[in-house]
Amino acid sequence: MAKNKNKKKKKFEMPNSYVIIMMVTVFVAILSWVLPGGAYNYVDPNASVLQPIPGTFHAVASKPQGIFNIIMAPINGFMQSVDIILYCLVIGGYLALIVKTGALDASIGKVLKKIKGREYLLVPTLMLIFSLAGAAFGIEEETLPFFPVLIPIFLLAGYDTLVGLSVIKVGAALGVMGSIANPFAVAIASKFAGISMGDGIGIRLILLAIYIPSGIIFTMRYAKKVKEDPTKSLVYSQKDEIDSFFLKGAEGEGDVLPEFNLKRKIIMGIFVMSFVIMIWGVLPWSELGITIWPTVHWWFGELTGVFLTASILVAIVDGINSNDFIDTFIAGAADLLSVAIIIGVARGVSVLMTNASITDTLLHFCETGVTSMSSGMFAFMNYIIFLILSFFIPSSSGLATLSMSIMAPLADFAHVGREIVVIGYAAASSMIAIIAPTSGLLMGVLAMTKTSFSTWIKFMWKFLLYIFVVTSAVLVLAAMFVH
């Protein structure tokens, strides 16, 4: 008895994204034995994006899915997602090459030197950089190397670790929430929603214009309070521990960041231009009334080619030999292999539902509720649903792949543009990533910076409540008035 009493209760661990998606796959297979098969008539049955016609649902033969179908689901998912998967792997290789050259670190070092003696500019300058990086190419895991580099700089400037955390983590997340061309969120979601990545970019720019200044003001107010009175820091009780960990041997900024020389300037120019070209290639210029250049309708194939070309140019400029180029590129691709795998696994759920003829059945069940909703209410409920789903599926790419086959067509029934669904997904996914204990990246960063989860929540909750209200309002208004 005593032995049993002394046994420690096992702490519940949240399953990772792969396990959750495989559980969903099994659940869908079980549903295929319960739900009747069904189908809609479509506006254009031969279109690449099938738009269901409300009120045309009819029964078809059900096709229950068995164990072998469950096994084949992720394999079929990979086969239908090969363009996105290849794109992610090339992006991973490209980012690894950029990091290897030291160009990103050097550009930040240049900024730090420019504002030396005006440390109050650290917060707005760096937060703007990380936000724009999040908006353009979805920087999240790529922020990890910056914490050990920048946290000591914030401490030396008289701030605390929470200021550094907010600048890097929250800055990047706010950018992702209002993504302009994030290849890991908006691009994937748009692909499976059947729309262009340029659709809804005006609304995303409005959100971005609200998010970034709001984040900067929030962080600067806290930073000013800590600078004036260090005892106001939420981590003041850990000050000695934090200082001894981060400032051991720290002499100054110049010792930890490389020089921003001509070679690195050229590389950063290539880096910026690659994303400018990406945005140019995917935007529907003719629909925006711009005719000075053609709408080229680029998508994942062409974008992969852009980043592969940029990778080669970076290697040439930096003088990386062919062996190092291949090794670095493959290592970078390997870093995003988890993203590629989760896209394939999640896509398998949609494939299984389609094969079982229950996708339209589920849409029909939802249609009855959605048709009675106002467009604004649909936009709000879509946002709430994605907030909940994001907690359980912290992978933004996995969530997009898993959910869009259901959520995007629902927008058609509610007479709302599918871009509203994508915007709600991006805003919800990245907001939850700031506070969800299910996010391995967040928990790793908190551990790295000696910050408890409870302290982080205390620091963030009021700001995130504000972000929730603002996002909800913009989505509701956009759904009501933008067509």
Protein backbone atom coordinates (compact mmCIF):
# COMPACT_ATOMS: atom_id res chain seq x y z
CA MET A 1 0.00 0.00 0.00
CA ALA A 2 2.77 2.38 1.02
CA LYS A 3 4.51 1.67 -2.25
CA ASN A 4 1.40 2.58 -4.20
CA LYS A 5 0.91 5.78 -2.19
CA ASN A 6 4.45 6.84 -2.91
CA LYS A 7 4.01 6.35 -6.61
CA LYS A 8 3.98 9.65 -8.41
CA LYS A 9 1.01 10.32 -10.60
CA LYS A 10 2.00 10.49 -14.22
CA LYS A 11 1.70 14.02 -15.54
CA PHE A 12 -0.59 14.31 -18.55
CA GLU A 13 1.31 15.12 -21.73
CA MET A 14 -0.46 16.67 -24.68
CA PRO A 15 0.01 14.47 -27.77
CA ASN A 16 2.06 16.11 -30.51
CA SER A 17 0.54 17.30 -33.76
CA TYR A 18 1.29 14.06 -35.62
CA VAL A 19 -0.51 11.94 -33.03
CA ILE A 20 -3.50 14.29 -32.95
CA ILE A 21 -3.84 14.25 -36.73
CA MET A 22 -3.56 10.45 -36.87
CA MET A 23 -6.26 10.27 -34.18
CA VAL A 24 -8.41 12.50 -36.37
CA THR A 25 -7.69 10.17 -39.32
CA VAL A 26 -8.91 7.15 -37.35
CA PHE A 27 -11.95 9.11 -36.15
CA VAL A 28 -12.83 10.07 -39.74
CA ALA A 29 -12.56 6.41 -40.78
CA ILE A 30 -14.99 5.48 -37.99
CA LEU A 31 -17.34 8.26 -39.11
CA SER A 32 -17.34 6.80 -42.61
CA TRP A 33 -19.16 3.75 -41.19
CA VAL A 34 -21.75 5.94 -39.46
CA LEU A 35 -22.43 8.92 -41.72
CA PRO A 36 -24.30 8.53 -45.00
CA GLY A 37 -22.50 9.41 -48.20
CA GLY A 38 -23.54 12.63 -49.89
CA ALA A 39 -22.60 15.16 -52.54
CA TYR A 40 -23.45 18.64 -53.77
CA ASN A 41 -23.86 19.91 -57.28
CA TYR A 42 -21.08 22.36 -58.09
CA VAL A 43 -21.01 25.67 -59.93
CA ASP A 44 -18.33 24.23 -62.24
CA PRO A 45 -17.63 20.50 -61.73
CA ASN A 46 -14.44 20.80 -63.81
CA ALA A 47 -12.98 23.77 -61.94
CA SER A 48 -9.83 23.41 -59.86
CA VAL A 49 -11.82 24.81 -56.93
CA LEU A 50 -15.20 23.15 -56.45
CA GLN A 51 -17.81 25.62 -55.21
CA PRO A 52 -20.90 23.81 -53.85
CA ILE A 53 -24.38 25.12 -54.75
CA PRO A 54 -26.48 25.61 -51.59
CA GLY A 55 -29.56 23.38 -51.40
CA THR A 56 -28.33 20.77 -53.90
CA PHE A 57 -27.10 18.16 -51.42
CA HIS A 58 -28.16 14.62 -52.29
CA ALA A 59 -27.36 11.14 -51.04
CA VAL A 60 -24.76 8.94 -52.76
CA ALA A 61 -23.46 5.48 -51.98
CA SER A 62 -21.41 5.47 -48.76
CA LYS A 63 -17.85 4.11 -48.89
CA PRO A 64 -16.73 3.01 -45.41
CA GLN A 65 -12.96 3.21 -44.91
CA GLY A 66 -11.01 0.37 -43.31
CA ILE A 67 -7.59 -0.16 -41.75
CA PHE A 68 -5.76 -0.24 -45.09
CA ASN A 69 -7.43 3.05 -46.08
CA ILE A 70 -6.18 4.59 -42.82
CA ILE A 71 -2.64 3.43 -43.63
CA MET A 72 -2.89 4.79 -47.17
CA ALA A 73 -4.37 8.15 -46.09
CA PRO A 74 -1.07 9.93 -45.27
CA ILE A 75 0.59 8.38 -48.34
CA ASN A 76 -2.18 9.74 -50.57
CA GLY A 77 -1.89 13.01 -48.68
CA PHE A 78 1.78 13.25 -49.61
CA MET A 79 1.02 12.51 -53.25
CA GLN A 80 -1.54 15.32 -53.39
CA SER A 81 0.72 17.80 -51.56
CA VAL A 82 4.02 17.25 -53.32
CA ASP A 83 4.17 20.84 -54.65
CA ILE A 84 3.81 22.36 -51.17
CA ILE A 85 6.16 19.85 -49.58
CA LEU A 86 8.92 20.55 -52.12
CA TYR A 87 8.37 24.28 -51.62
CA CYS A 88 8.81 23.94 -47.82
CA LEU A 89 12.00 21.91 -48.19
CA VAL A 90 13.54 24.45 -50.59
CA ILE A 91 12.57 27.32 -48.26
CA GLY A 92 14.29 25.46 -45.42
CA GLY A 93 17.47 25.07 -47.43
CA TYR A 94 17.36 28.72 -48.49
CA LEU A 95 16.94 30.03 -44.93
CA ALA A 96 19.79 27.80 -43.72
CA LEU A 97 22.10 29.34 -46.33
CA ILE A 98 21.08 32.86 -45.29
CA VAL A 99 21.79 32.04 -41.64
CA LYS A 100 25.14 30.43 -42.53
CA THR A 101 26.34 33.61 -44.24
CA GLY A 102 25.72 35.63 -41.06
CA ALA A 103 23.82 38.23 -43.08
CA LEU A 104 20.77 38.26 -40.80
CA ASP A 105 22.84 38.55 -37.63
CA ALA A 106 25.03 41.21 -39.23
CA SER A 107 22.06 43.31 -40.33
CA ILE A 108 20.72 43.29 -36.77
CA GLY A 109 24.21 44.15 -35.51
CA LYS A 110 24.25 47.13 -37.87
CA VAL A 111 20.94 48.34 -36.49
CA LEU A 112 22.23 47.98 -32.92
CA LYS A 113 25.32 50.05 -33.69
CA LYS A 114 23.19 52.76 -35.29
CA ILE A 115 21.08 53.18 -32.15
CA LYS A 116 23.89 52.92 -29.60
CA GLY A 117 23.26 55.55 -26.91
CA ARG A 118 19.59 55.60 -27.92
CA GLU A 119 18.69 52.20 -26.48
CA TYR A 120 15.02 53.17 -26.24
CA LEU A 121 14.95 52.60 -30.02
CA LEU A 122 15.83 48.92 -29.53
CA VAL A 123 12.22 47.90 -28.97
CA PRO A 124 10.50 49.61 -31.93
CA THR A 125 13.35 48.96 -34.37
CA LEU A 126 13.84 45.26 -33.68
CA MET A 127 10.15 44.55 -33.15
CA LEU A 128 9.40 46.09 -36.55
CA ILE A 129 12.10 43.92 -38.15
CA PHE A 130 10.79 40.70 -36.58
CA SER A 131 7.18 41.62 -37.40
CA LEU A 132 7.97 42.24 -41.06
CA ALA A 133 9.95 38.99 -41.16
CA GLY A 134 6.92 37.17 -39.74
CA ALA A 135 4.61 38.82 -42.26
CA ALA A 136 6.86 38.09 -45.25
CA PHE A 137 8.22 34.61 -44.60
CA GLY A 138 6.68 33.36 -41.37
CA ILE A 139 9.75 33.50 -39.14
CA GLU A 140 9.01 31.41 -36.02
CA GLU A 141 11.46 28.57 -35.36
CA GLU A 142 14.05 30.73 -37.13
CA THR A 143 13.89 33.21 -34.21
CA LEU A 144 15.57 30.73 -31.84
CA PRO A 145 19.19 31.81 -32.57
CA PHE A 146 18.29 35.43 -31.79
CA PHE A 147 17.31 34.87 -28.15
CA PRO A 148 20.81 34.11 -26.82
CA VAL A 149 22.21 36.94 -28.98
CA LEU A 150 19.69 39.69 -28.23
CA ILE A 151 18.57 38.96 -24.64
CA PRO A 152 22.00 40.01 -23.21
CA ILE A 153 21.76 43.24 -25.22
CA PHE A 154 18.35 44.05 -23.73
CA LEU A 155 19.69 43.28 -20.24
CA LEU A 156 22.72 45.54 -20.77
CA ALA A 157 20.35 48.28 -21.92
CA GLY A 158 18.52 48.11 -18.57
CA TYR A 159 15.53 46.02 -19.59
CA ASP A 160 14.54 42.45 -18.65
CA THR A 161 14.07 39.14 -20.44
CA LEU A 162 10.34 39.75 -20.95
CA VAL A 163 11.15 42.78 -23.10
CA GLY A 164 13.42 40.65 -25.28
CA LEU A 165 10.84 37.87 -25.41
CA SER A 166 8.14 40.29 -26.47
CA VAL A 167 10.28 41.94 -29.15
CA ILE A 168 11.32 38.63 -30.73
CA LYS A 169 8.50 36.17 -30.04
CA VAL A 170 5.51 38.52 -30.03
CA GLY A 171 6.97 40.68 -32.81
CA ALA A 172 7.32 37.71 -35.14
CA ALA A 173 3.91 36.32 -34.14
CA LEU A 174 2.13 39.61 -34.85
CA GLY A 175 3.68 39.62 -38.30
CA VAL A 176 2.49 36.06 -38.94
CA MET A 177 -1.01 37.02 -37.75
CA GLY A 178 -1.22 39.64 -40.48
CA SER A 179 0.82 37.66 -43.00
CA ILE A 180 1.48 39.32 -46.34
CA ALA A 181 3.06 36.28 -47.99
CA ASN A 182 3.92 33.78 -45.25
CA PRO A 183 4.79 30.54 -47.09
CA PHE A 184 3.99 28.36 -44.05
CA ALA A 185 0.56 29.75 -43.16
CA VAL A 186 -1.27 31.95 -45.67
CA ALA A 187 0.24 30.24 -48.73
CA ILE A 188 -0.70 26.74 -47.57
CA ALA A 189 -4.14 27.80 -46.31
CA SER A 190 -4.87 29.65 -49.56
CA LYS A 191 -3.82 26.61 -51.56
CA PHE A 192 -6.30 24.33 -49.79
CA ALA A 193 -8.99 27.02 -49.64
CA GLY A 194 -8.75 27.26 -53.42
CA ILE A 195 -7.86 30.95 -53.57
CA SER A 196 -4.84 33.06 -54.45
CA MET A 197 -2.46 34.17 -51.73
CA GLY A 198 -3.20 37.71 -52.90
CA ASP A 199 -6.89 37.41 -52.02
CA GLY A 200 -7.61 39.37 -48.85
CA ILE A 201 -4.19 41.01 -48.74
CA GLY A 202 -5.80 44.42 -48.17
CA ILE A 203 -7.51 43.17 -45.00
CA ARG A 204 -4.29 41.53 -43.82
CA LEU A 205 -2.42 44.81 -44.36
CA ILE A 206 -5.01 46.62 -42.23
CA LEU A 207 -4.54 44.06 -39.45
CA LEU A 208 -0.77 44.35 -39.77
CA ALA A 209 -1.01 48.14 -39.52
CA ILE A 210 -2.88 47.68 -36.23
CA TYR A 211 -0.90 44.77 -34.79
CA ILE A 212 2.64 46.12 -35.18
CA PRO A 213 2.18 49.60 -33.61
CA SER A 214 0.06 48.04 -30.86
CA GLY A 215 2.76 45.49 -30.06
CA ILE A 216 5.47 48.14 -30.05
CA ILE A 217 3.48 50.44 -27.74
CA PHE A 218 2.66 47.57 -25.37
CA THR A 219 6.29 46.46 -25.15
CA MET A 220 7.71 49.99 -24.90
CA ARG A 221 5.39 50.88 -22.01
CA TYR A 222 6.55 47.85 -20.05
CA ALA A 223 10.20 48.45 -21.02
CA LYS A 224 10.00 52.08 -19.85
CA LYS A 225 8.53 50.98 -16.52
CA VAL A 226 11.32 48.43 -15.96
CA LYS A 227 14.04 50.87 -17.04
CA GLU A 228 12.84 53.48 -14.55
CA ASP A 229 12.28 51.01 -11.71
CA PRO A 230 13.81 47.52 -12.09
CA THR A 231 11.70 46.25 -9.16
CA LYS A 232 8.62 46.61 -11.42
CA SER A 233 9.95 43.77 -13.59
CA LEU A 234 7.82 40.63 -13.43
CA VAL A 235 11.05 38.61 -13.26
CA TYR A 236 12.85 40.85 -10.76
CA SER A 237 13.05 38.00 -8.22
CA GLN A 238 15.20 36.10 -10.76
CA LYS A 239 17.45 39.04 -11.63
CA ASP A 240 20.67 37.57 -10.21
CA GLU A 241 20.05 34.18 -11.83
CA ILE A 242 19.21 35.76 -15.19
CA ASP A 243 22.18 38.15 -15.15
CA SER A 244 24.65 35.41 -14.24
CA PHE A 245 23.30 33.20 -17.03
CA PHE A 246 23.05 35.73 -19.88
CA LEU A 247 25.74 38.29 -19.03
CA LYS A 248 28.56 35.95 -18.12
CA GLY A 249 31.49 37.20 -20.19
CA ALA A 250 29.33 39.67 -22.11
CA GLU A 251 31.40 42.69 -23.09
CA GLY A 252 29.06 44.37 -25.53
CA GLU A 253 27.11 44.02 -28.71
CA GLY A 254 30.08 44.03 -31.05
CA ASP A 255 31.49 40.80 -29.62
CA VAL A 256 28.51 38.66 -30.52
CA LEU A 257 27.33 39.94 -33.90
CA PRO A 258 29.26 39.74 -37.22
CA GLU A 259 30.20 42.71 -39.40
CA PHE A 260 27.66 43.91 -41.98
CA ASN A 261 30.12 44.00 -44.88
CA LEU A 262 29.47 44.46 -48.60
CA LYS A 263 29.05 40.74 -49.21
CA ARG A 264 26.39 40.46 -46.51
CA LYS A 265 24.64 43.57 -47.81
CA ILE A 266 24.36 41.95 -51.25
CA ILE A 267 23.05 38.74 -49.67
CA MET A 268 20.39 40.66 -47.72
CA GLY A 269 19.49 42.41 -50.97
CA ILE A 270 18.96 39.01 -52.64
CA PHE A 271 17.00 37.85 -49.59
CA VAL A 272 14.63 40.83 -49.67
CA MET A 273 14.24 40.70 -53.46
CA SER A 274 13.33 37.00 -53.41
CA PHE A 275 10.29 37.79 -51.27
CA VAL A 276 9.44 40.88 -53.32
CA ILE A 277 9.45 38.69 -56.44
CA MET A 278 7.32 36.10 -54.64
CA ILE A 279 4.71 38.73 -53.75
CA TRP A 280 4.80 40.11 -57.31
CA GLY A 281 4.26 36.62 -58.73
CA VAL A 282 1.24 35.66 -56.63
CA LEU A 283 -0.74 38.91 -56.49
CA PRO A 284 -3.71 39.21 -58.90
CA TRP A 285 -2.63 42.56 -60.33
CA SER A 286 -5.34 42.71 -63.00
CA GLU A 287 -8.05 42.23 -60.36
CA LEU A 288 -6.51 45.12 -58.41
CA GLY A 289 -6.77 47.31 -61.49
CA ILE A 290 -2.99 47.42 -62.02
CA THR A 291 -1.96 46.84 -65.63
CA ILE A 292 1.63 48.12 -65.78
CA TRP A 293 2.76 44.48 -65.61
CA PRO A 294 0.94 41.21 -66.24
CA THR A 295 -0.66 38.92 -63.67
CA VAL A 296 1.50 35.81 -63.98
CA HIS A 297 -0.52 33.52 -61.66
CA TRP A 298 2.54 31.97 -60.06
CA TRP A 299 2.11 29.32 -57.42
CA PHE A 300 4.21 26.76 -55.58
CA GLY A 301 6.12 25.44 -58.60
CA GLU A 302 7.31 28.87 -59.72
CA LEU A 303 7.93 30.08 -56.15
CA THR A 304 10.08 27.04 -55.46
CA GLY A 305 12.12 27.97 -58.53
CA VAL A 306 12.54 31.55 -57.25
CA PHE A 307 13.94 30.43 -53.89
CA LEU A 308 16.14 27.75 -55.43
CA THR A 309 17.63 30.39 -57.76
CA ALA A 310 18.10 32.77 -54.82
CA SER A 311 19.85 30.00 -52.88
CA ILE A 312 22.37 29.52 -55.67
CA LEU A 313 22.98 33.29 -55.92
CA VAL A 314 23.56 33.53 -52.15
CA ALA A 315 26.08 30.68 -52.31
CA ILE A 316 27.93 32.35 -55.20
CA VAL A 317 28.10 35.74 -53.45
CA ASP A 318 29.27 34.21 -50.16
CA GLY A 319 31.80 31.97 -51.89
CA ILE A 320 30.31 28.77 -50.49
CA ASN A 321 31.79 25.77 -52.30
CA SER A 322 29.52 23.18 -53.87
CA ASN A 323 29.92 20.60 -51.09
CA ASP A 324 29.15 23.12 -48.33
CA PHE A 325 26.24 24.45 -50.36
CA ILE A 326 24.67 21.00 -50.69
CA ASP A 327 25.34 20.08 -47.04
CA THR A 328 23.88 23.35 -45.72
CA PHE A 329 20.91 23.24 -48.07
CA ILE A 330 20.06 19.65 -47.12
CA ALA A 331 20.47 20.42 -43.41
CA GLY A 332 18.10 23.38 -43.78
CA ALA A 333 15.59 21.27 -45.69
CA ALA A 334 15.83 18.69 -42.90
CA ASP A 335 14.92 21.40 -40.38
CA LEU A 336 11.58 21.80 -42.18
CA LEU A 337 11.05 18.09 -42.79
CA SER A 338 8.64 18.02 -39.84
CA VAL A 339 6.54 20.70 -41.55
CA ALA A 340 6.58 18.76 -44.82
CA ILE A 341 5.57 15.53 -43.09
CA ILE A 342 2.74 17.12 -41.16
CA ILE A 343 1.35 18.65 -44.36
CA GLY A 344 1.20 15.21 -45.97
CA VAL A 345 -0.28 13.52 -42.90
CA ALA A 346 -2.90 16.24 -42.42
CA ARG A 347 -3.81 16.25 -46.11
CA GLY A 348 -4.47 12.53 -45.74
CA VAL A 349 -7.49 13.33 -43.55
CA SER A 350 -9.10 15.32 -46.37
CA VAL A 351 -8.30 12.56 -48.86
CA LEU A 352 -9.91 9.96 -46.57
CA MET A 353 -13.04 12.09 -46.18
CA THR A 354 -13.31 12.58 -49.94
CA ASN A 355 -12.83 8.86 -50.63
CA ALA A 356 -15.53 8.05 -48.07
CA SER A 357 -17.93 10.59 -49.67
CA ILE A 358 -18.54 12.27 -46.31
CA THR A 359 -16.90 15.67 -46.91
CA ASP A 360 -20.08 17.04 -48.45
CA THR A 361 -22.15 15.29 -45.76
CA LEU A 362 -20.28 17.21 -43.06
CA LEU A 363 -20.65 20.39 -45.10
CA HIS A 364 -24.39 19.77 -45.31
CA PHE A 365 -24.69 19.41 -41.53
CA CYS A 366 -22.84 22.70 -41.12
CA GLU A 367 -24.77 24.38 -43.95
CA THR A 368 -28.02 24.32 -41.97
CA GLY A 369 -26.40 26.37 -39.21
CA VAL A 370 -24.35 28.64 -41.44
CA THR A 371 -27.18 29.67 -43.78
CA SER A 372 -29.04 31.19 -40.83
CA MET A 373 -25.93 33.11 -39.71
CA SER A 374 -25.15 36.63 -40.74
CA SER A 375 -21.86 37.07 -42.60
CA GLY A 376 -20.37 38.88 -39.60
CA MET A 377 -21.37 36.13 -37.18
CA PHE A 378 -19.85 33.50 -39.48
CA ALA A 379 -16.54 35.40 -39.57
CA PHE A 380 -16.51 35.64 -35.78
CA MET A 381 -17.40 31.96 -35.23
CA ASN A 382 -14.78 30.92 -37.79
CA TYR A 383 -12.18 32.83 -35.75
CA ILE A 384 -13.34 31.18 -32.50
CA ILE A 385 -13.21 27.71 -34.07
CA PHE A 386 -9.64 28.27 -35.26
CA LEU A 387 -8.61 29.55 -31.82
CA ILE A 388 -9.81 26.26 -30.33
CA LEU A 389 -8.31 24.08 -33.06
CA SER A 390 -4.98 25.92 -32.81
CA PHE A 391 -4.62 24.94 -29.17
CA PHE A 392 -4.81 21.24 -30.04
CA ILE A 393 -2.97 21.48 -33.38
CA PRO A 394 -0.13 23.98 -32.84
CA SER A 395 1.35 23.33 -36.29
CA SER A 396 0.05 26.17 -38.48
CA SER A 397 0.73 24.25 -41.69
CA GLY A 398 -0.89 21.10 -40.32
CA LEU A 399 -3.97 23.00 -39.18
CA ALA A 400 -4.34 24.73 -42.54
CA THR A 401 -4.08 21.48 -44.45
CA LEU A 402 -6.47 19.68 -42.11
CA SER A 403 -9.20 22.28 -41.84
CA MET A 404 -9.52 24.21 -45.08
CA SER A 405 -11.38 21.53 -47.03
CA ILE A 406 -14.30 21.99 -44.62
CA MET A 407 -14.03 25.60 -43.44
CA ALA A 408 -13.45 27.27 -46.83
CA PRO A 409 -16.57 25.87 -48.58
CA LEU A 410 -18.66 26.87 -45.53
CA ALA A 411 -17.84 30.47 -46.39
CA ASP A 412 -19.65 29.98 -49.71
CA PHE A 413 -22.84 29.03 -47.88
CA ALA A 414 -22.54 32.07 -45.62
CA HIS A 415 -21.90 34.31 -48.67
CA VAL A 416 -18.51 35.27 -47.28
CA GLY A 417 -15.26 35.31 -49.25
CA ARG A 418 -12.99 32.36 -48.55
CA GLU A 419 -10.19 34.81 -47.78
CA ILE A 420 -12.02 35.66 -44.52
CA VAL A 421 -11.59 32.04 -43.44
CA VAL A 422 -7.87 32.15 -44.27
CA ILE A 423 -7.36 35.45 -42.44
CA GLY A 424 -9.21 34.15 -39.37
CA TYR A 425 -7.11 31.00 -39.40
CA ALA A 426 -3.80 32.91 -39.64
CA ALA A 427 -4.74 35.35 -36.89
CA ALA A 428 -5.98 32.61 -34.55
CA SER A 429 -3.15 30.16 -35.13
CA SER A 430 -0.39 32.65 -34.41
CA MET A 431 -2.18 34.26 -31.46
CA ILE A 432 -2.58 30.90 -29.74
CA ALA A 433 1.07 30.09 -30.49
CA ILE A 434 2.01 32.99 -28.19
CA ILE A 435 0.40 31.40 -25.12
CA ALA A 436 -0.39 27.73 -25.79
CA PRO A 437 1.50 25.21 -23.61
CA THR A 438 0.98 22.79 -26.51
CA SER A 439 3.50 24.81 -28.54
CA GLY A 440 6.91 23.18 -28.25
CA LEU A 441 8.56 26.33 -29.62
CA LEU A 442 7.01 28.56 -26.95
CA MET A 443 7.83 26.23 -24.08
CA GLY A 444 11.39 25.86 -25.37
CA VAL A 445 11.86 29.63 -25.61
CA LEU A 446 10.46 30.16 -22.10
CA ALA A 447 12.89 27.55 -20.75
CA MET A 448 15.76 29.16 -22.66
CA THR A 449 15.00 32.59 -21.16
CA LYS A 450 14.35 31.31 -17.60
CA THR A 451 10.72 32.46 -17.77
CA SER A 452 7.91 30.53 -16.09
CA PHE A 453 4.72 29.90 -18.06
CA SER A 454 2.62 31.61 -15.37
CA THR A 455 4.78 34.75 -15.56
CA TRP A 456 4.44 34.81 -19.34
CA ILE A 457 0.64 34.56 -19.13
CA LYS A 458 0.55 37.35 -16.53
CA PHE A 459 2.64 39.49 -18.88
CA MET A 460 0.63 38.78 -22.04
CA TRP A 461 -3.05 38.22 -21.22
CA LYS A 462 -4.31 41.83 -21.36
CA PHE A 463 -2.56 42.53 -24.64
CA LEU A 464 -3.87 39.33 -26.22
CA LEU A 465 -7.40 40.16 -25.07
CA TYR A 466 -7.03 43.47 -26.90
CA ILE A 467 -5.74 41.65 -30.01
CA PHE A 468 -8.73 39.27 -29.85
CA VAL A 469 -11.21 42.18 -29.77
CA VAL A 470 -9.48 44.06 -32.60
CA THR A 471 -9.20 40.97 -34.82
CA SER A 472 -12.83 40.02 -34.22
CA ALA A 473 -13.99 43.52 -35.13
CA VAL A 474 -11.94 43.67 -38.35
CA LEU A 475 -13.09 40.19 -39.45
CA VAL A 476 -16.75 40.96 -38.78
CA LEU A 477 -16.62 44.28 -40.63
CA ALA A 478 -14.68 42.76 -43.54
CA ALA A 479 -17.21 39.93 -43.88
CA MET A 480 -20.10 42.41 -43.85
CA PHE A 481 -18.76 45.06 -46.21
CA VAL A 482 -15.94 43.60 -48.36
CA HIS A 483 -17.07 41.50 -51.33
